[in-house]
Amino acid sequence: MAFTPQQTADIEAAMADFMTKRRPPEEIRDKLDLSWRIEGQSVVIFSIRPMWRDERQKIEEPAAKATFVRTTNRWKIYWMRADLKWHSYPLLPEAVFFDEFLAEVNEDDACCFWG
């Protein structure tokens, strides 16, 4: 089941604020940018870079994911390891509020999201 219109609006507002703080300066966005999308019950944050062989092509590198679990009313937090699989984030596997997820991604104390 998709997010309700209110949940979607709340996520979009929180992500707009996060992107304002975290997105690279406009002059380098053709070389490195940051974006996000809703995928089912998840919100995925990813970087966008030119492909090394052909800079006209862009690649997305997932960094963080939060999946809302309705039965527990919590957000599960994941990071993408080098094996290209999502793994539970060790410092905060779950969050009650979406903003907790964004704060953890921004701080990145375990250097999982941004290296």
N, C-alpha and C. Protein backbone atom coordinates (compact mmCIF):
# COMPACT_ATOMS: atom_id res chain seq x y z
N MET A 1 0.84 -1.18 0.00
CA MET A 1 0.00 0.00 0.00
C MET A 1 0.89 1.25 0.00
N ALA A 2 0.54 2.19 -0.82
CA ALA A 2 1.32 3.43 -0.93
C ALA A 2 1.06 4.33 0.28
N PHE A 3 1.86 5.36 0.39
CA PHE A 3 1.67 6.35 1.45
C PHE A 3 0.38 7.12 1.22
N THR A 4 -0.20 7.60 2.31
CA THR A 4 -1.37 8.46 2.19
C THR A 4 -0.92 9.80 1.61
N PRO A 5 -1.86 10.60 1.08
CA PRO A 5 -1.47 11.92 0.59
C PRO A 5 -0.79 12.79 1.66
N GLN A 6 -1.23 12.70 2.90
CA GLN A 6 -0.62 13.47 3.98
C GLN A 6 0.80 12.98 4.27
N GLN A 7 0.99 11.66 4.31
CA GLN A 7 2.33 11.11 4.53
C GLN A 7 3.28 11.53 3.40
N THR A 8 2.79 11.46 2.16
CA THR A 8 3.60 11.87 1.02
C THR A 8 3.99 13.33 1.13
N ALA A 9 3.05 14.18 1.49
CA ALA A 9 3.34 15.61 1.65
C ALA A 9 4.37 15.84 2.75
N ASP A 10 4.24 15.11 3.86
CA ASP A 10 5.20 15.24 4.97
C ASP A 10 6.60 14.79 4.54
N ILE A 11 6.67 13.69 3.79
CA ILE A 11 7.95 13.19 3.31
C ILE A 11 8.57 14.20 2.34
N GLU A 12 7.78 14.71 1.43
CA GLU A 12 8.28 15.69 0.46
C GLU A 12 8.80 16.95 1.15
N ALA A 13 8.10 17.42 2.18
CA ALA A 13 8.55 18.61 2.91
C ALA A 13 9.87 18.33 3.64
N ALA A 14 9.95 17.17 4.30
CA ALA A 14 11.17 16.82 5.03
C ALA A 14 12.35 16.65 4.06
N MET A 15 12.09 16.03 2.92
CA MET A 15 13.16 15.82 1.95
C MET A 15 13.59 17.13 1.29
N ALA A 16 12.67 18.04 1.08
CA ALA A 16 13.04 19.35 0.52
C ALA A 16 14.00 20.07 1.46
N ASP A 17 13.71 20.02 2.75
CA ASP A 17 14.58 20.64 3.74
C ASP A 17 15.95 19.94 3.78
N PHE A 18 15.95 18.61 3.77
CA PHE A 18 17.19 17.83 3.77
C PHE A 18 18.04 18.16 2.54
N MET A 19 17.40 18.21 1.37
CA MET A 19 18.13 18.49 0.13
C MET A 19 18.71 19.90 0.13
N THR A 20 18.00 20.84 0.69
CA THR A 20 18.51 22.21 0.78
C THR A 20 19.82 22.24 1.55
N LYS A 21 19.90 21.45 2.60
CA LYS A 21 21.10 21.42 3.45
C LYS A 21 22.21 20.55 2.87
N ARG A 22 21.85 19.46 2.22
CA ARG A 22 22.82 18.42 1.87
C ARG A 22 23.26 18.40 0.41
N ARG A 23 22.46 18.95 -0.48
CA ARG A 23 22.77 18.89 -1.90
C ARG A 23 24.01 19.71 -2.23
N PRO A 24 24.86 19.23 -3.14
CA PRO A 24 26.08 19.97 -3.50
C PRO A 24 25.75 21.32 -4.13
N PRO A 25 26.72 22.24 -4.15
CA PRO A 25 26.50 23.54 -4.80
C PRO A 25 26.12 23.36 -6.27
N GLU A 26 25.33 24.27 -6.77
CA GLU A 26 24.81 24.16 -8.13
C GLU A 26 25.91 24.04 -9.19
N GLU A 27 27.04 24.71 -8.97
CA GLU A 27 28.09 24.70 -9.99
C GLU A 27 28.76 23.33 -10.18
N ILE A 28 28.59 22.40 -9.24
CA ILE A 28 29.19 21.06 -9.43
C ILE A 28 28.15 19.96 -9.62
N ARG A 29 26.89 20.31 -9.71
CA ARG A 29 25.84 19.28 -9.80
C ARG A 29 25.90 18.46 -11.08
N ASP A 30 26.58 18.94 -12.11
CA ASP A 30 26.73 18.12 -13.30
C ASP A 30 27.75 17.00 -13.07
N LYS A 31 28.58 17.14 -12.04
CA LYS A 31 29.57 16.11 -11.67
C LYS A 31 29.14 15.28 -10.47
N LEU A 32 28.36 15.87 -9.58
CA LEU A 32 27.87 15.18 -8.39
C LEU A 32 26.59 15.85 -7.93
N ASP A 33 25.54 15.06 -7.81
CA ASP A 33 24.27 15.60 -7.33
C ASP A 33 23.66 14.59 -6.37
N LEU A 34 22.60 15.01 -5.74
CA LEU A 34 21.91 14.18 -4.76
C LEU A 34 20.43 14.26 -5.05
N SER A 35 19.75 13.14 -4.93
CA SER A 35 18.31 13.11 -5.17
C SER A 35 17.68 12.02 -4.31
N TRP A 36 16.38 11.86 -4.48
CA TRP A 36 15.63 10.87 -3.71
C TRP A 36 14.38 10.49 -4.48
N ARG A 37 13.78 9.38 -4.06
CA ARG A 37 12.50 8.97 -4.64
C ARG A 37 11.77 8.07 -3.66
N ILE A 38 10.47 8.02 -3.84
CA ILE A 38 9.64 7.08 -3.09
C ILE A 38 9.49 5.83 -3.94
N GLU A 39 9.76 4.69 -3.33
CA GLU A 39 9.60 3.38 -3.98
C GLU A 39 8.73 2.52 -3.08
N GLY A 40 7.45 2.45 -3.37
CA GLY A 40 6.52 1.70 -2.53
C GLY A 40 6.43 2.32 -1.16
N GLN A 41 6.83 1.58 -0.14
CA GLN A 41 6.82 2.06 1.25
C GLN A 41 8.18 2.56 1.69
N SER A 42 9.07 2.79 0.74
CA SER A 42 10.43 3.21 1.06
C SER A 42 10.75 4.57 0.45
N VAL A 43 11.69 5.25 1.10
CA VAL A 43 12.28 6.47 0.57
C VAL A 43 13.76 6.19 0.39
N VAL A 44 14.25 6.38 -0.83
CA VAL A 44 15.64 6.08 -1.16
C VAL A 44 16.36 7.38 -1.50
N ILE A 45 17.52 7.57 -0.89
CA ILE A 45 18.38 8.72 -1.17
C ILE A 45 19.58 8.20 -1.96
N PHE A 46 19.92 8.89 -3.05
CA PHE A 46 21.01 8.42 -3.89
C PHE A 46 21.79 9.59 -4.48
N SER A 47 23.06 9.32 -4.81
CA SER A 47 23.87 10.32 -5.50
C SER A 47 23.80 10.04 -7.00
N ILE A 48 24.06 11.08 -7.77
CA ILE A 48 24.04 10.98 -9.23
C ILE A 48 25.39 11.49 -9.73
N ARG A 49 26.06 10.66 -10.54
CA ARG A 49 27.37 11.01 -11.08
C ARG A 49 27.42 10.64 -12.56
N PRO A 50 28.32 11.26 -13.30
CA PRO A 50 28.52 10.82 -14.68
C PRO A 50 29.23 9.47 -14.70
N MET A 51 28.89 8.66 -15.67
CA MET A 51 29.57 7.39 -15.84
C MET A 51 31.02 7.67 -16.26
N TRP A 52 31.97 6.93 -15.73
CA TRP A 52 33.38 7.24 -15.98
C TRP A 52 33.78 7.03 -17.44
N ARG A 53 33.12 6.12 -18.14
CA ARG A 53 33.47 5.88 -19.54
C ARG A 53 32.78 6.85 -20.50
N ASP A 54 31.62 7.31 -20.10
CA ASP A 54 30.84 8.20 -20.96
C ASP A 54 30.12 9.21 -20.07
N GLU A 55 30.67 10.38 -19.93
CA GLU A 55 30.15 11.38 -19.01
C GLU A 55 28.76 11.88 -19.39
N ARG A 56 28.29 11.56 -20.58
CA ARG A 56 26.93 11.95 -20.96
C ARG A 56 25.89 11.08 -20.27
N GLN A 57 26.31 9.90 -19.84
CA GLN A 57 25.41 8.99 -19.13
C GLN A 57 25.58 9.19 -17.62
N LYS A 58 24.48 9.14 -16.90
CA LYS A 58 24.51 9.31 -15.44
C LYS A 58 24.24 7.98 -14.77
N ILE A 59 24.86 7.79 -13.62
CA ILE A 59 24.59 6.61 -12.80
C ILE A 59 24.10 7.05 -11.43
N GLU A 60 23.26 6.25 -10.85
CA GLU A 60 22.75 6.51 -9.51
C GLU A 60 23.43 5.54 -8.54
N GLU A 61 23.88 6.09 -7.41
CA GLU A 61 24.51 5.27 -6.38
C GLU A 61 23.69 5.41 -5.10
N PRO A 62 22.89 4.39 -4.76
CA PRO A 62 22.07 4.47 -3.55
C PRO A 62 22.92 4.64 -2.30
N ALA A 63 22.43 5.47 -1.39
CA ALA A 63 23.16 5.74 -0.15
C ALA A 63 22.38 5.32 1.09
N ALA A 64 21.09 5.61 1.11
CA ALA A 64 20.29 5.35 2.31
C ALA A 64 18.86 5.02 1.91
N LYS A 65 18.22 4.21 2.76
CA LYS A 65 16.82 3.86 2.52
C LYS A 65 16.10 3.74 3.85
N ALA A 66 14.89 4.27 3.87
CA ALA A 66 14.01 4.11 5.03
C ALA A 66 12.72 3.46 4.52
N THR A 67 12.34 2.37 5.16
CA THR A 67 11.12 1.67 4.79
C THR A 67 10.14 1.73 5.94
N PHE A 68 8.93 2.21 5.65
CA PHE A 68 7.91 2.34 6.68
C PHE A 68 7.20 1.00 6.85
N VAL A 69 7.16 0.51 8.09
CA VAL A 69 6.48 -0.74 8.42
C VAL A 69 5.21 -0.38 9.18
N ARG A 70 4.08 -0.56 8.53
CA ARG A 70 2.80 -0.15 9.12
C ARG A 70 2.45 -0.92 10.39
N THR A 71 2.81 -2.19 10.46
CA THR A 71 2.45 -2.99 11.63
C THR A 71 3.11 -2.50 12.90
N THR A 72 4.31 -1.92 12.78
CA THR A 72 5.02 -1.41 13.95
C THR A 72 5.00 0.12 14.03
N ASN A 73 4.56 0.75 12.92
CA ASN A 73 4.53 2.21 12.84
C ASN A 73 5.93 2.81 13.01
N ARG A 74 6.91 2.14 12.41
CA ARG A 74 8.30 2.59 12.51
C ARG A 74 8.96 2.56 11.13
N TRP A 75 10.07 3.29 11.04
CA TRP A 75 10.88 3.33 9.83
C TRP A 75 12.10 2.44 10.03
N LYS A 76 12.31 1.46 9.18
CA LYS A 76 13.54 0.66 9.20
C LYS A 76 14.57 1.39 8.34
N ILE A 77 15.79 1.46 8.84
CA ILE A 77 16.84 2.22 8.18
C ILE A 77 17.88 1.26 7.60
N TYR A 78 18.25 1.52 6.35
CA TYR A 78 19.19 0.66 5.64
C TYR A 78 20.29 1.49 4.98
N TRP A 79 21.42 0.86 4.75
CA TRP A 79 22.51 1.44 3.97
C TRP A 79 22.97 0.40 2.96
N MET A 80 23.54 0.86 1.85
CA MET A 80 23.99 -0.05 0.81
C MET A 80 25.48 -0.32 0.98
N ARG A 81 25.78 -1.59 1.15
CA ARG A 81 27.17 -2.02 1.29
C ARG A 81 27.80 -2.23 -0.08
N ALA A 82 29.07 -2.52 -0.08
CA ALA A 82 29.81 -2.75 -1.33
C ALA A 82 29.27 -3.97 -2.10
N ASP A 83 28.54 -4.86 -1.41
CA ASP A 83 27.96 -6.02 -2.10
C ASP A 83 26.68 -5.65 -2.86
N LEU A 84 26.34 -4.34 -2.85
CA LEU A 84 25.17 -3.79 -3.53
C LEU A 84 23.84 -4.33 -2.99
N LYS A 85 23.86 -4.67 -1.71
CA LYS A 85 22.63 -5.10 -1.03
C LYS A 85 22.36 -4.16 0.14
N TRP A 86 21.09 -3.97 0.45
CA TRP A 86 20.71 -3.14 1.59
C TRP A 86 20.93 -3.91 2.88
N HIS A 87 21.54 -3.23 3.86
CA HIS A 87 21.78 -3.82 5.17
C HIS A 87 21.23 -2.90 6.24
N SER A 88 20.77 -3.48 7.32
CA SER A 88 20.26 -2.69 8.43
C SER A 88 21.36 -1.78 8.98
N TYR A 89 21.00 -0.54 9.22
CA TYR A 89 21.98 0.43 9.72
C TYR A 89 22.30 0.10 11.18
N PRO A 90 23.58 -0.14 11.52
CA PRO A 90 23.92 -0.66 12.84
C PRO A 90 23.65 0.29 14.01
N LEU A 91 23.79 1.58 13.82
CA LEU A 91 23.63 2.51 14.95
C LEU A 91 22.17 2.82 15.27
N LEU A 92 21.30 2.74 14.29
CA LEU A 92 19.88 3.02 14.50
C LEU A 92 19.08 2.21 13.49
N PRO A 93 18.78 0.95 13.79
CA PRO A 93 18.08 0.11 12.82
C PRO A 93 16.64 0.55 12.55
N GLU A 94 16.03 1.24 13.51
CA GLU A 94 14.65 1.71 13.36
C GLU A 94 14.52 3.12 13.91
N ALA A 95 13.55 3.84 13.33
CA ALA A 95 13.24 5.19 13.83
C ALA A 95 11.73 5.32 13.94
N VAL A 96 11.29 6.07 14.92
CA VAL A 96 9.86 6.32 15.09
C VAL A 96 9.41 7.38 14.08
N PHE A 97 10.24 8.39 13.88
CA PHE A 97 9.90 9.50 12.99
C PHE A 97 10.84 9.54 11.80
N PHE A 98 10.30 9.96 10.67
CA PHE A 98 11.09 10.08 9.44
C PHE A 98 12.26 11.04 9.63
N ASP A 99 12.04 12.11 10.38
CA ASP A 99 13.11 13.09 10.64
C ASP A 99 14.30 12.47 11.38
N GLU A 100 14.05 11.45 12.19
CA GLU A 100 15.16 10.75 12.87
C GLU A 100 16.06 10.07 11.84
N PHE A 101 15.43 9.47 10.85
CA PHE A 101 16.18 8.84 9.75
C PHE A 101 17.05 9.87 9.05
N LEU A 102 16.47 11.01 8.69
CA LEU A 102 17.23 12.04 7.98
C LEU A 102 18.37 12.59 8.83
N ALA A 103 18.13 12.76 10.12
CA ALA A 103 19.20 13.25 11.01
C ALA A 103 20.35 12.24 11.05
N GLU A 104 20.02 10.97 11.11
CA GLU A 104 21.05 9.92 11.16
C GLU A 104 21.85 9.88 9.86
N VAL A 105 21.16 10.00 8.73
CA VAL A 105 21.84 10.02 7.43
C VAL A 105 22.75 11.24 7.34
N ASN A 106 22.29 12.36 7.80
CA ASN A 106 23.08 13.58 7.74
C ASN A 106 24.33 13.48 8.62
N GLU A 107 24.18 12.97 9.83
CA GLU A 107 25.32 12.83 10.75
C GLU A 107 26.27 11.74 10.29
N ASP A 108 25.74 10.59 9.91
CA ASP A 108 26.51 9.46 9.40
C ASP A 108 27.70 9.11 10.30
N ASP A 109 27.44 8.93 11.58
CA ASP A 109 28.50 8.63 12.54
C ASP A 109 29.27 7.35 12.24
N ALA A 110 28.62 6.38 11.59
CA ALA A 110 29.29 5.12 11.27
C ALA A 110 29.91 5.13 9.87
N CYS A 111 29.81 6.25 9.18
CA CYS A 111 30.36 6.41 7.82
C CYS A 111 29.81 5.34 6.86
N CYS A 112 28.54 5.03 7.01
CA CYS A 112 27.90 4.05 6.14
C CYS A 112 27.27 4.70 4.92
N PHE A 113 26.68 5.85 5.08
CA PHE A 113 25.92 6.47 3.99
C PHE A 113 26.80 7.23 3.01
N TRP A 114 27.72 7.99 3.52
CA TRP A 114 28.52 8.87 2.66
C TRP A 114 29.99 8.45 2.60
N GLY A 115 30.34 7.36 3.28
CA GLY A 115 31.72 6.87 3.19
C GLY A 115 32.56 7.51 4.15
